[in-house]
Amino acid sequence: MSTALATQRLLLRLPVAADASAAAELVTDPEVMRFLGGEVVPDDRVGVVVERWIRRWEENGIGFFVVESREDGAFLGRVGLNVWDVRRWTHATLAGAGEFAQPELGWALVRSQWGRGYATEAALAVRDWAFSEREIGGLISLIAPDNLASAAVARRLRASPGQVVKLFDSGDAVVWEHPRSRARG
């Protein structure tokens, strides 16, 4: 699969096993992981996380893109699509969850890159791609009630907060519903 997206400042590409060393800055940081299941990934398990990103693409034809700076190629984080089974709010495959599958637009950046608008820019590109290229019917983002930074990104994307659900791994999350049209930054 040769899927890649480009924005003014970013390149979004499929993950590869070699991304593990750069991804360590993301998944071993307690502040980054606080709202992503809460558990910091040990250094020796970072490769397993990246392999999971790769496997999700293989299973679903959608997944997380690695986000890089177009200026210098630096790893900035990951932005893309998860699939949830809404019956128990657990991770799933599209085929496995069937009619209960719900794609989620999610983002996580290395802490040194927070506050620069990269999450909004990348999420908008992925959302537009999901609707136009993958014909996703509806997208949500699941955001912890106290994750104010991600809620601000969702607002910039013109997503609307709705019900609160209990995720299997991290407690309560607000379901933000995304519009099918482009955000107005």
N, C-alpha and C. Protein backbone atom coordinates (compact mmCIF):
# COMPACT_ATOMS: atom_id res chain seq x y z
N MET A 1 0.85 -1.17 0.00
CA MET A 1 0.00 0.00 0.00
C MET A 1 0.90 1.24 0.00
N SER A 2 0.65 2.18 -0.87
CA SER A 2 1.52 3.35 -1.00
C SER A 2 0.80 4.64 -0.58
N THR A 3 0.00 4.55 0.46
CA THR A 3 -0.77 5.69 0.91
C THR A 3 0.13 6.71 1.61
N ALA A 4 0.06 7.95 1.16
CA ALA A 4 0.75 9.06 1.83
C ALA A 4 -0.08 10.32 1.60
N LEU A 5 -0.04 11.21 2.57
CA LEU A 5 -0.74 12.48 2.49
C LEU A 5 0.27 13.59 2.75
N ALA A 6 0.06 14.72 2.13
CA ALA A 6 0.94 15.86 2.38
C ALA A 6 0.09 17.09 2.65
N THR A 7 0.54 17.89 3.61
CA THR A 7 -0.08 19.18 3.89
C THR A 7 1.01 20.22 3.67
N GLN A 8 0.70 21.45 3.99
CA GLN A 8 1.69 22.51 3.80
C GLN A 8 2.99 22.22 4.56
N ARG A 9 2.87 21.72 5.80
CA ARG A 9 4.05 21.52 6.63
C ARG A 9 4.38 20.07 6.93
N LEU A 10 3.47 19.15 6.59
CA LEU A 10 3.60 17.78 7.07
C LEU A 10 3.55 16.75 5.97
N LEU A 11 4.21 15.62 6.21
CA LEU A 11 4.09 14.42 5.40
C LEU A 11 3.52 13.35 6.31
N LEU A 12 2.45 12.71 5.87
CA LEU A 12 1.83 11.61 6.60
C LEU A 12 2.00 10.37 5.76
N ARG A 13 2.65 9.36 6.32
CA ARG A 13 2.94 8.15 5.57
C ARG A 13 2.65 6.92 6.42
N LEU A 14 2.60 5.77 5.75
CA LEU A 14 2.36 4.52 6.47
C LEU A 14 3.55 4.21 7.38
N PRO A 15 3.28 3.62 8.53
CA PRO A 15 4.38 3.25 9.43
C PRO A 15 5.16 2.06 8.90
N VAL A 16 6.42 2.00 9.29
CA VAL A 16 7.29 0.86 9.00
C VAL A 16 8.02 0.49 10.28
N ALA A 17 8.52 -0.73 10.36
CA ALA A 17 9.17 -1.21 11.58
C ALA A 17 10.30 -0.29 12.03
N ALA A 18 11.00 0.31 11.09
CA ALA A 18 12.13 1.19 11.42
C ALA A 18 11.69 2.47 12.15
N ASP A 19 10.39 2.75 12.23
CA ASP A 19 9.91 3.92 12.95
C ASP A 19 9.99 3.76 14.46
N ALA A 20 10.28 2.56 14.94
CA ALA A 20 10.27 2.31 16.38
C ALA A 20 11.22 3.23 17.14
N SER A 21 12.41 3.46 16.65
CA SER A 21 13.35 4.30 17.41
C SER A 21 12.82 5.72 17.57
N ALA A 22 12.25 6.28 16.51
CA ALA A 22 11.69 7.64 16.59
C ALA A 22 10.41 7.66 17.42
N ALA A 23 9.60 6.62 17.32
CA ALA A 23 8.33 6.56 18.05
C ALA A 23 8.53 6.43 19.55
N ALA A 24 9.70 6.02 19.98
CA ALA A 24 9.96 5.88 21.41
C ALA A 24 9.72 7.19 22.15
N GLU A 25 10.09 8.32 21.55
CA GLU A 25 9.87 9.61 22.20
C GLU A 25 8.39 9.84 22.49
N LEU A 26 7.53 9.31 21.64
CA LEU A 26 6.09 9.47 21.80
C LEU A 26 5.54 8.54 22.88
N VAL A 27 5.75 7.24 22.71
CA VAL A 27 5.04 6.25 23.52
C VAL A 27 5.69 5.96 24.87
N THR A 28 6.90 6.47 25.11
CA THR A 28 7.52 6.29 26.43
C THR A 28 7.35 7.53 27.31
N ASP A 29 6.68 8.56 26.81
CA ASP A 29 6.49 9.80 27.56
C ASP A 29 5.19 9.71 28.38
N PRO A 30 5.28 9.78 29.71
CA PRO A 30 4.08 9.65 30.54
C PRO A 30 3.03 10.74 30.26
N GLU A 31 3.46 11.94 29.93
CA GLU A 31 2.51 13.02 29.67
C GLU A 31 1.75 12.78 28.37
N VAL A 32 2.41 12.25 27.35
CA VAL A 32 1.76 11.92 26.08
C VAL A 32 0.79 10.76 26.30
N MET A 33 1.22 9.75 27.03
CA MET A 33 0.44 8.53 27.19
C MET A 33 -0.70 8.66 28.21
N ARG A 34 -0.72 9.74 28.95
CA ARG A 34 -1.73 9.94 29.99
C ARG A 34 -3.15 9.74 29.46
N PHE A 35 -3.41 10.18 28.24
CA PHE A 35 -4.75 10.07 27.67
C PHE A 35 -4.84 8.99 26.58
N LEU A 36 -3.82 8.17 26.46
CA LEU A 36 -3.82 7.10 25.45
C LEU A 36 -3.75 5.73 26.13
N GLY A 37 -4.64 5.50 27.04
CA GLY A 37 -4.64 4.24 27.77
C GLY A 37 -3.88 4.33 29.08
N GLY A 38 -3.09 5.39 29.24
CA GLY A 38 -2.44 5.67 30.51
C GLY A 38 -1.13 4.96 30.78
N GLU A 39 -0.80 3.94 30.02
CA GLU A 39 0.41 3.18 30.32
C GLU A 39 1.55 3.59 29.40
N VAL A 40 2.68 3.92 30.03
CA VAL A 40 3.89 4.23 29.28
C VAL A 40 4.43 2.92 28.72
N VAL A 41 4.87 2.95 27.49
CA VAL A 41 5.41 1.76 26.84
C VAL A 41 6.89 1.62 27.21
N PRO A 42 7.30 0.48 27.74
CA PRO A 42 8.73 0.28 28.03
C PRO A 42 9.55 0.33 26.74
N ASP A 43 10.78 0.78 26.86
CA ASP A 43 11.65 0.91 25.68
C ASP A 43 11.70 -0.36 24.83
N ASP A 44 11.74 -1.51 25.48
CA ASP A 44 11.86 -2.76 24.74
C ASP A 44 10.56 -3.21 24.08
N ARG A 45 9.46 -2.46 24.26
CA ARG A 45 8.17 -2.81 23.66
C ARG A 45 7.70 -1.81 22.60
N VAL A 46 8.51 -0.78 22.33
CA VAL A 46 8.12 0.24 21.35
C VAL A 46 7.91 -0.39 19.98
N GLY A 47 8.77 -1.32 19.59
CA GLY A 47 8.63 -2.00 18.30
C GLY A 47 7.30 -2.73 18.18
N VAL A 48 6.80 -3.27 19.29
CA VAL A 48 5.51 -3.96 19.29
C VAL A 48 4.38 -2.98 18.98
N VAL A 49 4.48 -1.77 19.53
CA VAL A 49 3.47 -0.74 19.26
C VAL A 49 3.46 -0.38 17.78
N VAL A 50 4.63 -0.16 17.21
CA VAL A 50 4.70 0.18 15.79
C VAL A 50 4.20 -0.98 14.94
N GLU A 51 4.50 -2.20 15.31
CA GLU A 51 3.97 -3.36 14.58
C GLU A 51 2.45 -3.39 14.65
N ARG A 52 1.87 -2.97 15.78
CA ARG A 52 0.41 -2.89 15.90
C ARG A 52 -0.14 -1.86 14.92
N TRP A 53 0.55 -0.71 14.78
CA TRP A 53 0.13 0.30 13.81
C TRP A 53 0.11 -0.30 12.40
N ILE A 54 1.16 -1.04 12.07
CA ILE A 54 1.27 -1.67 10.75
C ILE A 54 0.15 -2.70 10.56
N ARG A 55 -0.07 -3.51 11.57
CA ARG A 55 -1.10 -4.56 11.49
C ARG A 55 -2.49 -3.96 11.30
N ARG A 56 -2.78 -2.84 11.95
CA ARG A 56 -4.10 -2.22 11.77
C ARG A 56 -4.34 -1.83 10.32
N TRP A 57 -3.31 -1.33 9.65
CA TRP A 57 -3.44 -1.02 8.22
C TRP A 57 -3.75 -2.30 7.43
N GLU A 58 -3.04 -3.37 7.76
CA GLU A 58 -3.24 -4.64 7.04
C GLU A 58 -4.64 -5.19 7.27
N GLU A 59 -5.16 -5.07 8.50
CA GLU A 59 -6.46 -5.63 8.85
C GLU A 59 -7.63 -4.79 8.35
N ASN A 60 -7.46 -3.47 8.34
CA ASN A 60 -8.59 -2.57 8.08
C ASN A 60 -8.47 -1.71 6.83
N GLY A 61 -7.27 -1.60 6.27
CA GLY A 61 -7.08 -0.67 5.16
C GLY A 61 -7.07 0.78 5.62
N ILE A 62 -7.09 0.98 6.94
CA ILE A 62 -6.98 2.29 7.58
C ILE A 62 -6.14 2.09 8.84
N GLY A 63 -5.59 3.18 9.35
CA GLY A 63 -4.78 3.09 10.56
C GLY A 63 -4.11 4.41 10.84
N PHE A 64 -3.06 4.36 11.65
CA PHE A 64 -2.30 5.56 11.99
C PHE A 64 -1.24 5.84 10.94
N PHE A 65 -1.16 7.09 10.54
CA PHE A 65 -0.06 7.57 9.72
C PHE A 65 1.05 8.06 10.64
N VAL A 66 2.29 7.87 10.24
CA VAL A 66 3.42 8.54 10.89
C VAL A 66 3.44 9.96 10.35
N VAL A 67 3.58 10.94 11.25
CA VAL A 67 3.60 12.35 10.86
C VAL A 67 5.04 12.85 10.93
N GLU A 68 5.51 13.39 9.81
CA GLU A 68 6.86 13.93 9.74
C GLU A 68 6.82 15.38 9.27
N SER A 69 7.82 16.12 9.66
CA SER A 69 7.99 17.49 9.18
C SER A 69 8.47 17.45 7.74
N ARG A 70 7.82 18.22 6.87
CA ARG A 70 8.29 18.29 5.47
C ARG A 70 9.61 19.04 5.39
N GLU A 71 9.84 19.91 6.36
CA GLU A 71 11.06 20.72 6.35
C GLU A 71 12.32 19.89 6.58
N ASP A 72 12.27 19.02 7.61
CA ASP A 72 13.49 18.28 7.96
C ASP A 72 13.29 16.78 8.15
N GLY A 73 12.08 16.27 7.91
CA GLY A 73 11.83 14.84 8.03
C GLY A 73 11.72 14.34 9.46
N ALA A 74 11.69 15.23 10.44
CA ALA A 74 11.62 14.82 11.84
C ALA A 74 10.29 14.12 12.14
N PHE A 75 10.36 13.09 12.97
CA PHE A 75 9.17 12.38 13.45
C PHE A 75 8.44 13.30 14.42
N LEU A 76 7.16 13.55 14.16
CA LEU A 76 6.35 14.43 15.01
C LEU A 76 5.31 13.67 15.82
N GLY A 77 4.89 12.49 15.34
CA GLY A 77 3.88 11.72 16.05
C GLY A 77 3.13 10.81 15.11
N ARG A 78 1.89 10.50 15.52
CA ARG A 78 1.03 9.67 14.68
C ARG A 78 -0.39 10.22 14.72
N VAL A 79 -1.03 10.20 13.56
CA VAL A 79 -2.42 10.66 13.43
C VAL A 79 -3.10 9.70 12.47
N GLY A 80 -4.30 9.28 12.81
CA GLY A 80 -5.00 8.38 11.91
C GLY A 80 -6.25 7.81 12.52
N LEU A 81 -6.58 6.59 12.07
CA LEU A 81 -7.87 5.99 12.40
C LEU A 81 -7.71 4.71 13.20
N ASN A 82 -8.46 4.64 14.28
CA ASN A 82 -8.67 3.44 15.09
C ASN A 82 -10.04 2.89 14.72
N VAL A 83 -10.26 1.64 15.01
CA VAL A 83 -11.61 1.08 14.88
C VAL A 83 -12.03 0.57 16.25
N TRP A 84 -13.23 0.97 16.65
CA TRP A 84 -13.80 0.56 17.93
C TRP A 84 -15.04 -0.29 17.70
N ASP A 85 -15.26 -1.26 18.58
CA ASP A 85 -16.51 -1.99 18.65
C ASP A 85 -17.35 -1.29 19.71
N VAL A 86 -18.42 -0.64 19.29
CA VAL A 86 -19.20 0.20 20.20
C VAL A 86 -20.01 -0.59 21.23
N ARG A 87 -20.09 -1.91 21.08
CA ARG A 87 -20.82 -2.70 22.07
C ARG A 87 -20.11 -2.69 23.42
N ARG A 88 -18.76 -2.71 23.38
CA ARG A 88 -17.98 -2.73 24.62
C ARG A 88 -16.90 -1.67 24.63
N TRP A 89 -16.84 -0.83 23.60
CA TRP A 89 -15.81 0.19 23.44
C TRP A 89 -14.43 -0.42 23.59
N THR A 90 -14.19 -1.45 22.75
CA THR A 90 -12.89 -2.10 22.67
C THR A 90 -12.35 -1.93 21.26
N HIS A 91 -11.03 -2.03 21.11
CA HIS A 91 -10.42 -1.98 19.77
C HIS A 91 -10.90 -3.18 18.97
N ALA A 92 -11.08 -2.97 17.67
CA ALA A 92 -11.63 -4.02 16.83
C ALA A 92 -11.11 -3.86 15.40
N THR A 93 -11.51 -4.80 14.57
CA THR A 93 -11.32 -4.66 13.13
C THR A 93 -12.67 -4.32 12.52
N LEU A 94 -12.64 -3.75 11.35
CA LEU A 94 -13.89 -3.45 10.66
C LEU A 94 -14.71 -4.72 10.45
N ALA A 95 -14.04 -5.78 9.99
CA ALA A 95 -14.75 -7.03 9.74
C ALA A 95 -15.25 -7.66 11.03
N GLY A 96 -14.43 -7.65 12.06
CA GLY A 96 -14.79 -8.29 13.32
C GLY A 96 -15.96 -7.61 14.03
N ALA A 97 -16.01 -6.30 13.97
CA ALA A 97 -17.09 -5.57 14.66
C ALA A 97 -18.32 -5.42 13.78
N GLY A 98 -18.15 -5.60 12.46
CA GLY A 98 -19.29 -5.53 11.55
C GLY A 98 -20.07 -4.23 11.69
N GLU A 99 -21.37 -4.33 11.88
CA GLU A 99 -22.22 -3.14 11.99
C GLU A 99 -21.94 -2.32 13.25
N PHE A 100 -21.18 -2.88 14.17
CA PHE A 100 -20.85 -2.17 15.41
C PHE A 100 -19.48 -1.49 15.34
N ALA A 101 -18.86 -1.52 14.16
CA ALA A 101 -17.55 -0.87 13.98
C ALA A 101 -17.72 0.65 13.88
N GLN A 102 -16.88 1.37 14.61
CA GLN A 102 -16.90 2.83 14.57
C GLN A 102 -15.46 3.34 14.40
N PRO A 103 -15.14 3.90 13.22
CA PRO A 103 -13.82 4.49 13.05
C PRO A 103 -13.68 5.76 13.90
N GLU A 104 -12.49 5.91 14.48
CA GLU A 104 -12.16 7.07 15.31
C GLU A 104 -10.93 7.77 14.75
N LEU A 105 -11.01 9.07 14.64
CA LEU A 105 -9.87 9.90 14.26
C LEU A 105 -9.11 10.26 15.53
N GLY A 106 -7.84 9.85 15.60
CA GLY A 106 -7.04 10.11 16.78
C GLY A 106 -5.70 10.74 16.43
N TRP A 107 -5.12 11.43 17.39
CA TRP A 107 -3.84 12.10 17.17
C TRP A 107 -3.01 12.05 18.44
N ALA A 108 -1.70 11.99 18.26
CA ALA A 108 -0.75 12.05 19.36
C ALA A 108 0.57 12.55 18.79
N LEU A 109 1.09 13.60 19.39
CA LEU A 109 2.35 14.18 18.95
C LEU A 109 3.36 14.14 20.08
N VAL A 110 4.65 14.09 19.71
CA VAL A 110 5.68 14.18 20.72
C VAL A 110 5.54 15.53 21.42
N ARG A 111 5.81 15.54 22.71
CA ARG A 111 5.52 16.72 23.52
C ARG A 111 6.23 17.98 23.01
N SER A 112 7.44 17.84 22.49
CA SER A 112 8.16 19.02 22.01
C SER A 112 7.47 19.71 20.83
N GLN A 113 6.48 19.05 20.22
CA GLN A 113 5.78 19.60 19.06
C GLN A 113 4.37 20.07 19.38
N TRP A 114 3.96 20.02 20.63
CA TRP A 114 2.63 20.48 21.02
C TRP A 114 2.50 21.98 20.81
N GLY A 115 1.30 22.41 20.50
CA GLY A 115 1.00 23.84 20.42
C GLY A 115 1.40 24.51 19.12
N ARG A 116 1.74 23.75 18.11
CA ARG A 116 2.16 24.31 16.82
C ARG A 116 1.12 24.13 15.71
N GLY A 117 -0.02 23.54 16.05
CA GLY A 117 -1.08 23.34 15.06
C GLY A 117 -0.92 22.10 14.22
N TYR A 118 0.09 21.28 14.52
CA TYR A 118 0.32 20.08 13.71
C TYR A 118 -0.82 19.06 13.84
N ALA A 119 -1.34 18.88 15.05
CA ALA A 119 -2.42 17.89 15.24
C ALA A 119 -3.64 18.26 14.40
N THR A 120 -4.01 19.54 14.43
CA THR A 120 -5.17 19.98 13.65
C THR A 120 -4.91 19.80 12.16
N GLU A 121 -3.74 20.22 11.70
CA GLU A 121 -3.40 20.12 10.28
C GLU A 121 -3.40 18.68 9.80
N ALA A 122 -2.79 17.78 10.58
CA ALA A 122 -2.73 16.38 10.19
C ALA A 122 -4.11 15.71 10.29
N ALA A 123 -4.84 16.00 11.36
CA ALA A 123 -6.17 15.38 11.53
C ALA A 123 -7.13 15.80 10.43
N LEU A 124 -7.06 17.05 10.02
CA LEU A 124 -7.91 17.52 8.92
C LEU A 124 -7.59 16.76 7.63
N ALA A 125 -6.31 16.57 7.35
CA ALA A 125 -5.91 15.84 6.14
C ALA A 125 -6.41 14.39 6.20
N VAL A 126 -6.26 13.76 7.35
CA VAL A 126 -6.71 12.37 7.49
C VAL A 126 -8.22 12.28 7.40
N ARG A 127 -8.91 13.21 8.02
CA ARG A 127 -10.38 13.19 7.97
C ARG A 127 -10.87 13.35 6.54
N ASP A 128 -10.32 14.30 5.81
CA ASP A 128 -10.72 14.49 4.41
C ASP A 128 -10.43 13.24 3.60
N TRP A 129 -9.28 12.63 3.81
CA TRP A 129 -8.89 11.40 3.12
C TRP A 129 -9.86 10.27 3.46
N ALA A 130 -10.21 10.13 4.75
CA ALA A 130 -11.11 9.05 5.18
C ALA A 130 -12.47 9.17 4.51
N PHE A 131 -12.99 10.39 4.43
CA PHE A 131 -14.30 10.58 3.81
C PHE A 131 -14.24 10.41 2.29
N SER A 132 -13.21 10.94 1.66
CA SER A 132 -13.18 10.93 0.19
C SER A 132 -12.58 9.66 -0.40
N GLU A 133 -11.51 9.15 0.21
CA GLU A 133 -10.80 8.00 -0.37
C GLU A 133 -11.24 6.65 0.21
N ARG A 134 -11.64 6.64 1.45
CA ARG A 134 -12.04 5.39 2.10
C ARG A 134 -13.54 5.29 2.31
N GLU A 135 -14.26 6.36 1.96
CA GLU A 135 -15.71 6.38 2.05
C GLU A 135 -16.22 5.97 3.43
N ILE A 136 -15.54 6.47 4.46
CA ILE A 136 -15.97 6.26 5.84
C ILE A 136 -17.27 7.03 6.03
N GLY A 137 -18.27 6.39 6.59
CA GLY A 137 -19.58 7.03 6.76
C GLY A 137 -19.61 8.10 7.82
N GLY A 138 -18.95 7.86 8.93
CA GLY A 138 -18.93 8.82 10.02
C GLY A 138 -17.70 8.62 10.87
N LEU A 139 -17.17 9.71 11.37
CA LEU A 139 -15.97 9.66 12.20
C LEU A 139 -16.24 10.31 13.55
N ILE A 140 -15.65 9.74 14.56
CA ILE A 140 -15.68 10.31 15.90
C ILE A 140 -14.25 10.49 16.38
N SER A 141 -14.09 11.23 17.47
CA SER A 141 -12.86 11.23 18.25
C SER A 141 -13.29 10.99 19.69
N LEU A 142 -12.57 10.12 20.37
CA LEU A 142 -12.85 9.81 21.77
C LEU A 142 -11.82 10.56 22.61
N ILE A 143 -12.30 11.49 23.44
CA ILE A 143 -11.40 12.37 24.18
C ILE A 143 -11.79 12.38 25.65
N ALA A 144 -10.81 12.13 26.51
CA ALA A 144 -11.05 12.18 27.96
C ALA A 144 -11.58 13.56 28.33
N PRO A 145 -12.52 13.61 29.26
CA PRO A 145 -13.12 14.90 29.63
C PRO A 145 -12.10 15.96 30.06
N ASP A 146 -10.99 15.55 30.67
CA ASP A 146 -9.99 16.52 31.12
C ASP A 146 -8.84 16.73 30.15
N ASN A 147 -8.94 16.19 28.94
CA ASN A 147 -7.92 16.40 27.92
C ASN A 147 -8.29 17.66 27.13
N LEU A 148 -7.99 18.80 27.72
CA LEU A 148 -8.41 20.07 27.14
C LEU A 148 -7.72 20.37 25.82
N ALA A 149 -6.48 19.94 25.67
CA ALA A 149 -5.75 20.21 24.41
C ALA A 149 -6.40 19.47 23.24
N SER A 150 -6.73 18.20 23.44
CA SER A 150 -7.37 17.46 22.35
C SER A 150 -8.79 17.95 22.09
N ALA A 151 -9.49 18.36 23.13
CA ALA A 151 -10.82 18.93 22.92
C ALA A 151 -10.71 20.21 22.08
N ALA A 152 -9.66 21.00 22.29
CA ALA A 152 -9.46 22.21 21.49
C ALA A 152 -9.19 21.86 20.03
N VAL A 153 -8.43 20.79 19.79
CA VAL A 153 -8.20 20.35 18.41
C VAL A 153 -9.54 19.94 17.79
N ALA A 154 -10.33 19.16 18.52
CA ALA A 154 -11.64 18.73 18.00
C ALA A 154 -12.52 19.93 17.65
N ARG A 155 -12.49 20.95 18.51
CA ARG A 155 -13.29 22.16 18.21
C ARG A 155 -12.79 22.85 16.94
N ARG A 156 -11.47 22.94 16.77
CA ARG A 156 -10.93 23.55 15.55
C ARG A 156 -11.34 22.76 14.31
N LEU A 157 -11.55 21.47 14.48
CA LEU A 157 -12.01 20.61 13.38
C LEU A 157 -13.53 20.65 13.22
N ARG A 158 -14.19 21.47 14.01
CA ARG A 158 -15.64 21.64 14.01
C ARG A 158 -16.39 20.37 14.41
N ALA A 159 -15.74 19.53 15.20
CA ALA A 159 -16.41 18.35 15.75
C ALA A 159 -17.29 18.81 16.91
N SER A 160 -18.34 18.04 17.17
CA SER A 160 -19.30 18.38 18.23
C SER A 160 -19.26 17.34 19.33
N PRO A 161 -19.17 17.79 20.60
CA PRO A 161 -19.17 16.83 21.70
C PRO A 161 -20.55 16.23 21.90
N GLY A 162 -20.57 14.95 22.27
CA GLY A 162 -21.83 14.26 22.51
C GLY A 162 -21.77 13.46 23.79
N GLN A 163 -22.22 12.23 23.72
CA GLN A 163 -22.32 11.37 24.89
C GLN A 163 -20.94 11.05 25.47
N VAL A 164 -20.95 10.61 26.73
CA VAL A 164 -19.75 10.12 27.39
C VAL A 164 -19.87 8.60 27.45
N VAL A 165 -18.80 7.91 27.04
CA VAL A 165 -18.78 6.45 27.07
C VAL A 165 -17.61 6.00 27.94
N LYS A 166 -17.65 4.74 28.35
CA LYS A 166 -16.60 4.15 29.17
C LYS A 166 -15.75 3.24 28.28
N LEU A 167 -14.48 3.63 28.07
CA LEU A 167 -13.57 2.83 27.26
C LEU A 167 -13.00 1.69 28.09
N PHE A 168 -12.68 0.60 27.43
CA PHE A 168 -12.21 -0.59 28.14
C PHE A 168 -10.88 -0.37 28.85
N ASP A 169 -10.05 0.56 28.35
CA ASP A 169 -8.70 0.68 28.88
C ASP A 169 -8.39 1.99 29.60
N SER A 170 -9.27 2.98 29.49
CA SER A 170 -8.87 4.28 30.04
C SER A 170 -10.00 5.10 30.64
N GLY A 171 -11.13 4.50 30.90
CA GLY A 171 -12.20 5.23 31.57
C GLY A 171 -13.07 6.03 30.62
N ASP A 172 -13.62 7.12 31.15
CA ASP A 172 -14.60 7.92 30.41
C ASP A 172 -13.97 8.66 29.24
N ALA A 173 -14.76 8.79 28.18
CA ALA A 173 -14.36 9.57 26.99
C ALA A 173 -15.60 10.24 26.41
N VAL A 174 -15.41 11.47 26.00
CA VAL A 174 -16.48 12.20 25.30
C VAL A 174 -16.40 11.79 23.83
N VAL A 175 -17.54 11.49 23.24
CA VAL A 175 -17.61 11.14 21.82
C VAL A 175 -17.82 12.44 21.03
N TRP A 176 -16.80 12.86 20.29
CA TRP A 176 -16.87 14.04 19.43
C TRP A 176 -17.20 13.57 18.03
N GLU A 177 -18.26 14.10 17.42
CA GLU A 177 -18.66 13.72 16.07
C GLU A 177 -18.13 14.73 15.07
N HIS A 178 -17.50 14.21 14.01
CA HIS A 178 -16.89 15.07 13.00
C HIS A 178 -17.84 15.35 11.84
N PRO A 179 -17.82 16.59 11.37
CA PRO A 179 -18.60 16.92 10.16
C PRO A 179 -17.89 16.36 8.93
N ARG A 180 -18.63 16.22 7.87
CA ARG A 180 -18.05 15.71 6.63
C ARG A 180 -17.36 16.79 5.82
N SER A 181 -17.49 18.05 6.19
CA SER A 181 -16.85 19.13 5.43
C SER A 181 -15.61 19.62 6.15
N ARG A 182 -14.77 20.33 5.42
CA ARG A 182 -13.49 20.81 5.94
C ARG A 182 -13.68 21.80 7.10
N ALA A 183 -12.72 21.75 8.02
CA ALA A 183 -12.70 22.71 9.14
C ALA A 183 -12.24 24.07 8.64
N ARG A 184 -12.54 25.07 9.40
CA ARG A 184 -12.08 26.42 9.10
C ARG A 184 -11.12 26.86 10.19
N GLY A 185 -9.90 26.29 10.15
CA GLY A 185 -8.83 26.48 11.10
C GLY A 185 -8.97 27.49 12.06
